[in-house]
């Protein structure tokens, strides 16, 4: 093994090289508990890496135990996204869609396999280069990958104790009775935070009070379109009003103008008439016109969350 290249809550990461000259990373799990507990954690992470193999998730090569220490060997990426922020004249808006296209594909794949990652941030998303086998001097084509599935959980296993970093806790963990259930949409919130950091060109940390007050969403609204619409929607505090999936967030980021989104009440109560069902265009005939997204957001800003009967302070 080579030099240490990273450290997380559960492990140290070292650079290494195999006999095929593949640049790899060895995660060495810290002994944070009894032997059996650390072994179970290593096996669980390996199983998730094997199950969730995807072109935009760091690839696992091997795993083993040596002298009561557990090693997980994955591909070595070039750098975490935190390093991009140090580039001269970094323009996050230029990088936003290429990174989003890769990351959101990975998140979508994790979710359709019924897992929530729970720890998506600049340090766990990596820039990587596809090696040019014909030219060793060519760094290759850049792409982006999601890593560290250590705290990923099945949807049925999500609870408030799973996430670690206080500055990135989604509102529903801080106050579930107000903001909604804990589910896969916390990953959407984390993606929104990551994209906000990139767009603004700096790392941001929020206090619990700022998170509950909707400070991240307020910053997102100030971005140029379509990012303002896409990110404010992903960063809404109330889970039921937040972007529902990674694919929806990608579509929002590519929308030429805000999509027209019916309110939850309209979606719930609209019933097509028999005439509409019999028409050539199907059930969409006779449907109520969906309100403009900007009008919907403005209404919520002024009235708050009508379901709770409380004034929301101008934020979703």
Protein backbone atom coordinates (compact mmCIF):
# COMPACT_ATOMS: atom_id res chain seq x y z
CA UNK A 1 0.00 0.00 0.00
CA UNK A 2 1.03 3.56 -0.62
CA UNK A 3 0.28 6.85 1.08
CA UNK A 4 -2.88 7.70 2.99
CA UNK A 5 -5.24 9.54 0.67
CA UNK A 6 -8.31 9.96 2.82
CA UNK A 7 -10.08 9.34 6.10
CA UNK A 8 -13.72 8.97 7.07
CA UNK A 9 -15.58 8.23 10.26
CA UNK A 10 -15.31 4.46 9.76
CA UNK A 11 -12.04 3.99 7.93
CA UNK A 12 -8.70 5.14 6.54
CA UNK A 13 -8.04 5.10 2.79
CA UNK A 14 -4.67 4.32 1.21
CA UNK A 15 -3.53 4.38 -2.39
CA UNK A 16 -2.32 1.06 -3.82
CA UNK A 17 -1.42 -0.66 -7.08
CA UNK A 18 -2.14 -4.20 -8.28
CA UNK A 19 -0.13 -6.43 -10.63
CA UNK A 20 -2.10 -5.05 -13.59
CA UNK A 21 -1.02 -1.51 -12.74
CA UNK A 22 -4.53 -0.52 -11.77
CA UNK A 23 -4.62 2.46 -9.43
CA UNK A 24 -6.70 1.33 -6.49
CA UNK A 25 -7.82 2.55 -3.08
CA UNK A 26 -7.73 0.39 0.04
CA UNK A 27 -10.25 1.27 2.73
CA UNK A 28 -9.06 -0.02 6.10
CA UNK A 29 -11.88 -0.18 8.61
CA UNK A 30 -11.20 1.39 11.98
CA UNK A 31 -11.66 -0.88 15.02
CA UNK A 32 -14.57 1.16 16.39
CA UNK A 33 -16.15 -1.78 18.15
CA UNK A 34 -15.79 -5.48 18.90
CA UNK A 35 -14.28 -7.69 16.21
CA UNK A 36 -17.64 -9.21 15.24
CA UNK A 37 -19.24 -5.79 14.82
CA UNK A 38 -16.44 -4.47 12.59
CA UNK A 39 -16.53 -7.67 10.53
CA UNK A 40 -20.29 -7.35 10.07
CA UNK A 41 -19.85 -3.74 8.94
CA UNK A 42 -17.20 -4.75 6.41
CA UNK A 43 -19.37 -7.54 5.02
CA UNK A 44 -22.40 -5.27 4.81
CA UNK A 45 -20.49 -2.60 2.90
CA UNK A 46 -19.01 -5.20 0.52
CA UNK A 47 -22.44 -6.66 -0.18
CA UNK A 48 -23.80 -3.22 -1.00
CA UNK A 49 -20.88 -2.47 -3.33
CA UNK A 50 -21.45 -5.77 -5.13
CA UNK A 51 -25.20 -5.28 -5.39
CA UNK A 52 -25.00 -1.64 -6.45
CA UNK A 53 -22.38 -1.97 -9.19
CA UNK A 54 -22.93 0.84 -11.66
CA UNK A 55 -20.71 2.84 -14.06
CA UNK A 56 -21.07 5.91 -11.83
CA UNK A 57 -20.48 4.17 -8.49
CA UNK A 58 -16.91 3.40 -7.44
CA UNK A 59 -16.07 -0.14 -8.51
CA UNK A 60 -15.13 -2.74 -5.91
CA UNK A 61 -12.25 -5.09 -6.82
CA UNK A 62 -11.70 -7.15 -3.69
CA UNK A 63 -12.15 -7.42 0.06
CA UNK A 64 -10.28 -9.44 2.64
CA UNK A 65 -9.25 -9.78 6.26
CA UNK A 66 -5.61 -9.70 7.35
CA UNK A 67 -4.50 -9.89 10.97
CA UNK A 68 -7.97 -9.05 12.29
CA UNK A 69 -8.14 -5.97 10.05
CA UNK A 70 -10.65 -5.60 7.23
CA UNK A 71 -9.77 -4.17 3.82
CA UNK A 72 -12.08 -3.15 0.97
CA UNK A 73 -10.33 -2.50 -2.36
CA UNK A 74 -11.99 -0.18 -4.88
CA UNK A 75 -10.94 1.79 -7.92
CA UNK A 76 -8.98 4.94 -7.10
CA UNK A 77 -10.53 8.13 -8.40
CA UNK A 78 -8.57 11.26 -9.18
CA UNK A 79 -10.02 13.55 -6.50
CA UNK A 80 -13.17 14.35 -4.53
CA UNK A 81 -15.31 17.25 -5.70
CA UNK A 82 -13.97 19.36 -2.84
CA UNK A 83 -10.74 19.67 -4.85
CA UNK A 84 -12.57 21.23 -7.79
CA UNK A 85 -13.43 24.24 -5.67
CA UNK A 86 -9.72 25.08 -5.43
CA UNK A 87 -9.26 25.37 -9.21
CA UNK A 88 -8.33 28.81 -10.52
CA UNK A 89 -11.37 30.64 -11.89
CA UNK A 90 -13.63 27.72 -10.99
CA UNK A 91 -17.12 28.22 -12.47
CA UNK A 92 -19.46 25.78 -10.80
CA UNK A 93 -22.32 26.45 -13.21
CA UNK A 94 -20.16 25.03 -16.03
CA UNK A 95 -19.52 21.83 -14.06
CA UNK A 96 -23.03 21.43 -12.69
CA UNK A 97 -24.78 19.46 -15.43
CA UNK A 98 -21.90 17.07 -16.23
CA UNK A 99 -21.58 16.19 -12.54
CA UNK A 100 -25.36 15.97 -12.09
CA UNK A 101 -25.79 13.63 -15.06
CA UNK A 102 -23.33 11.14 -13.55
CA UNK A 103 -24.34 11.50 -9.90
CA UNK A 104 -28.09 11.38 -10.45
CA UNK A 105 -27.79 8.22 -12.55
CA UNK A 106 -25.98 6.60 -9.62
CA UNK A 107 -28.54 7.85 -7.10
CA UNK A 108 -31.39 6.62 -9.29
CA UNK A 109 -29.80 3.15 -9.44
CA UNK A 110 -29.31 3.09 -5.66
CA UNK A 111 -32.96 4.03 -5.14
CA UNK A 112 -34.48 1.51 -7.55
CA UNK A 113 -32.62 -1.13 -5.53
CA UNK A 114 -34.44 0.15 -2.43
CA UNK A 115 -31.40 1.76 -0.81
CA UNK A 116 -30.81 5.30 0.43
CA UNK A 117 -27.18 6.46 0.37
CA UNK A 118 -27.66 9.00 3.22
CA UNK A 119 -24.18 10.54 2.93
CA UNK A 120 -23.95 12.36 -0.41
CA UNK A 121 -21.61 15.35 -0.17
CA UNK A 122 -18.61 16.86 -1.95
CA UNK A 123 -16.19 14.48 -0.23
CA UNK A 124 -18.06 11.35 -1.33
CA UNK A 125 -18.43 12.19 -5.03
CA UNK A 126 -15.27 11.84 -7.11
CA UNK A 127 -13.78 12.92 -10.40
CA UNK A 128 -12.25 9.97 -12.26
CA UNK A 129 -10.52 9.49 -15.60
CA UNK A 130 -11.12 6.64 -18.04
CA UNK A 131 -7.62 5.39 -18.89
CA UNK A 132 -6.41 5.69 -22.47
CA UNK A 133 -4.65 2.34 -22.96
CA UNK A 134 -2.95 3.53 -26.18
CA UNK A 135 -1.44 6.69 -24.74
CA UNK A 136 -0.08 6.74 -21.21
CA UNK A 137 0.39 10.52 -21.39
CA UNK A 138 -3.30 11.12 -22.03
CA UNK A 139 -5.16 11.52 -18.72
CA UNK A 140 -8.33 10.21 -20.37
CA UNK A 141 -11.95 11.36 -20.31
CA UNK A 142 -13.32 12.76 -17.06
CA UNK A 143 -16.39 11.34 -15.38
CA UNK A 144 -17.87 11.46 -11.89
CA UNK A 145 -18.66 8.69 -9.43
CA UNK A 146 -20.52 8.26 -6.16
CA UNK A 147 -18.56 6.50 -3.45
CA UNK A 148 -18.68 5.33 0.18
CA UNK A 149 -21.77 3.19 0.68
CA UNK A 150 -20.85 2.57 4.32
CA UNK A 151 -23.99 4.13 5.82
CA UNK A 152 -26.35 3.28 2.94
CA UNK A 153 -29.49 1.59 4.25
CA UNK A 154 -32.49 -0.19 2.87
CA UNK A 155 -35.56 2.04 2.78
CA UNK A 156 -37.06 -0.03 5.60
CA UNK A 157 -34.01 0.57 7.82
CA UNK A 158 -33.73 4.36 7.58
CA UNK A 159 -33.83 6.20 10.89
CA UNK A 160 -32.52 9.44 12.32
CA UNK A 161 -29.35 7.86 13.74
CA UNK A 162 -28.01 6.80 10.33
CA UNK A 163 -26.68 10.18 9.19
CA UNK A 164 -23.60 11.70 10.81
CA UNK A 165 -22.64 15.22 9.67
CA UNK A 166 -24.73 17.77 11.55
CA UNK A 167 -24.28 20.52 8.95
CA UNK A 168 -25.97 18.44 6.23
CA UNK A 169 -28.88 16.95 8.17
CA UNK A 170 -32.10 17.24 6.18
CA UNK A 171 -34.94 19.07 7.94
CA UNK A 172 -37.01 15.91 8.41
CA UNK A 173 -34.32 14.46 10.67
CA UNK A 174 -34.28 17.58 12.82
CA UNK A 175 -38.06 17.81 13.10
CA UNK A 176 -39.95 14.92 11.47
CA UNK A 177 -43.32 15.90 12.94
CA UNK A 178 -43.14 19.19 11.01
CA UNK A 179 -41.25 18.36 7.84
CA UNK A 180 -42.26 14.79 7.06
CA UNK A 181 -41.05 11.17 6.99
CA UNK A 182 -37.49 9.92 6.64
CA UNK A 183 -37.12 8.26 3.26
CA UNK A 184 -35.01 8.24 0.07
CA UNK A 185 -35.79 11.93 -0.52
CA UNK A 186 -33.08 12.85 1.99
CA UNK A 187 -30.67 11.87 -0.83
CA UNK A 188 -32.43 14.37 -3.10
CA UNK A 189 -31.94 17.04 -0.45
CA UNK A 190 -28.24 16.14 -0.18
CA UNK A 191 -27.85 16.28 -3.96
CA UNK A 192 -29.46 19.71 -3.89
CA UNK A 193 -26.95 20.83 -1.26
CA UNK A 194 -24.03 19.45 -3.26
CA UNK A 195 -25.19 21.22 -6.43
CA UNK A 196 -25.71 24.44 -4.46
CA UNK A 197 -22.11 24.28 -3.21
CA UNK A 198 -20.86 23.80 -6.76
CA UNK A 199 -23.02 26.58 -8.17
CA UNK A 200 -21.78 29.04 -5.54
CA UNK A 201 -18.18 27.81 -5.81
CA UNK A 202 -17.65 27.22 -2.11
CA UNK A 203 -18.42 24.79 0.68
CA UNK A 204 -21.30 25.82 2.90
CA UNK A 205 -22.20 24.63 6.36
CA UNK A 206 -25.56 25.33 7.93
CA UNK A 207 -26.69 25.31 11.53
CA UNK A 208 -29.75 23.36 12.57
CA UNK A 209 -31.71 26.59 12.85
CA UNK A 210 -30.68 27.67 9.34
CA UNK A 211 -31.71 24.28 7.95
CA UNK A 212 -35.10 24.45 9.64
CA UNK A 213 -35.53 28.05 8.46
CA UNK A 214 -34.87 27.03 4.83
CA UNK A 215 -31.62 28.93 4.29
CA UNK A 216 -30.32 26.50 1.59
CA UNK A 217 -33.49 26.94 -0.46
CA UNK A 218 -33.28 30.72 -0.15
CA UNK A 219 -29.78 30.62 -1.65
CA UNK A 220 -30.91 28.31 -4.45
CA UNK A 221 -33.68 30.69 -5.52
CA UNK A 222 -31.02 33.29 -6.34
CA UNK A 223 -29.34 31.07 -8.96
CA UNK A 224 -29.98 31.49 -12.69
CA UNK A 225 -32.63 29.33 -14.38
CA UNK A 226 -33.11 26.44 -14.65
CA UNK A 227 -30.96 25.78 -11.58
CA UNK A 228 -32.96 28.12 -9.36
CA UNK A 229 -36.13 26.14 -10.01
CA UNK A 230 -34.49 22.70 -9.86
CA UNK A 231 -32.50 23.28 -6.67
CA UNK A 232 -35.09 25.22 -4.68
CA UNK A 233 -37.46 22.32 -5.34
CA UNK A 234 -34.86 19.74 -4.24
CA UNK A 235 -34.10 21.77 -1.09
CA UNK A 236 -37.65 22.23 0.13
CA UNK A 237 -37.94 21.46 3.80
CA UNK A 238 -41.29 19.67 3.64
CA UNK A 239 -40.69 16.24 2.14
CA UNK A 240 -44.07 16.05 0.38
CA UNK A 241 -43.24 19.17 -1.66
CA UNK A 242 -39.66 18.15 -2.46
CA UNK A 243 -38.44 16.64 -5.72
CA UNK A 244 -39.50 12.99 -5.62
CA UNK A 245 -36.67 11.26 -7.51
CA UNK A 246 -33.22 11.64 -9.03
CA UNK A 247 -34.72 11.40 -12.51
CA UNK A 248 -37.15 14.22 -11.74
CA UNK A 249 -34.29 16.40 -10.49
CA UNK A 250 -32.35 15.75 -13.72
CA UNK A 251 -35.38 16.71 -15.79
CA UNK A 252 -35.84 19.87 -13.75
CA UNK A 253 -32.20 20.82 -14.31
CA UNK A 254 -32.78 20.54 -18.05
CA UNK A 255 -36.11 22.31 -18.20
CA UNK A 256 -36.10 25.42 -20.42
CA UNK A 257 -38.62 26.95 -18.03
CA UNK A 258 -40.27 25.91 -14.75
CA UNK A 259 -42.45 22.86 -15.18
CA UNK A 260 -46.12 23.22 -14.42
CA UNK A 261 -46.74 21.09 -11.36
CA UNK A 262 -50.19 20.36 -9.94
CA UNK A 263 -50.56 20.75 -6.20
CA UNK A 264 -50.80 17.56 -4.10
CA UNK A 265 -54.51 18.27 -3.55
CA UNK A 266 -55.17 18.48 -7.29
CA UNK A 267 -53.24 15.29 -7.94
CA UNK A 268 -55.19 13.50 -5.21
CA UNK A 269 -58.69 14.73 -6.03
CA UNK A 270 -58.74 14.89 -9.82
CA UNK A 271 -60.94 12.16 -11.25
CA UNK A 272 -61.36 11.95 -15.05
CA UNK A 273 -64.92 12.01 -16.32
CA UNK A 274 -66.36 9.07 -18.26
CA UNK A 275 -66.33 11.26 -21.35
CA UNK A 276 -62.64 11.97 -20.86
CA UNK A 277 -61.81 8.29 -20.47
CA UNK A 278 -63.69 7.51 -23.67
CA UNK A 279 -62.01 10.28 -25.65
CA UNK A 280 -59.09 9.58 -28.03
CA UNK A 281 -56.73 11.50 -25.77
CA UNK A 282 -57.62 9.46 -22.72
CA UNK A 283 -57.88 10.63 -19.12
CA UNK A 284 -55.98 13.88 -19.64
CA UNK A 285 -58.99 15.32 -21.46
CA UNK A 286 -60.86 17.54 -19.06
CA UNK A 287 -58.08 17.60 -16.46
CA UNK A 288 -57.77 20.85 -14.50
CA UNK A 289 -55.03 23.08 -15.78
CA UNK A 290 -51.88 22.64 -13.70
CA UNK A 291 -50.86 25.85 -11.93
CA UNK A 292 -47.65 27.53 -12.88
CA UNK A 293 -44.78 26.40 -10.63
CA UNK A 294 -43.75 29.95 -9.81
CA UNK A 295 -47.28 30.79 -8.69
CA UNK A 296 -47.40 27.62 -6.58
CA UNK A 297 -44.09 28.41 -4.89
CA UNK A 298 -45.10 32.03 -4.29
CA UNK A 299 -48.39 30.92 -2.76
CA UNK A 300 -46.57 28.56 -0.40
CA UNK A 301 -44.05 31.29 0.45
CA UNK A 302 -46.82 33.63 1.54
CA UNK A 303 -49.17 31.14 3.19
CA UNK A 304 -46.85 28.49 4.57
CA UNK A 305 -47.78 24.84 4.92
CA UNK A 306 -51.56 24.82 4.92
CA UNK A 307 -51.69 21.22 6.13
CA UNK A 308 -50.15 22.09 9.47
CA UNK A 309 -52.07 25.35 9.85
CA UNK A 310 -48.91 27.22 10.72
CA UNK A 311 -47.17 30.14 9.05
CA UNK A 312 -44.06 28.80 7.37
CA UNK A 313 -41.92 31.90 7.36
CA UNK A 314 -41.81 32.14 3.57
CA UNK A 315 -40.21 28.80 2.81
CA UNK A 316 -41.26 25.31 1.83
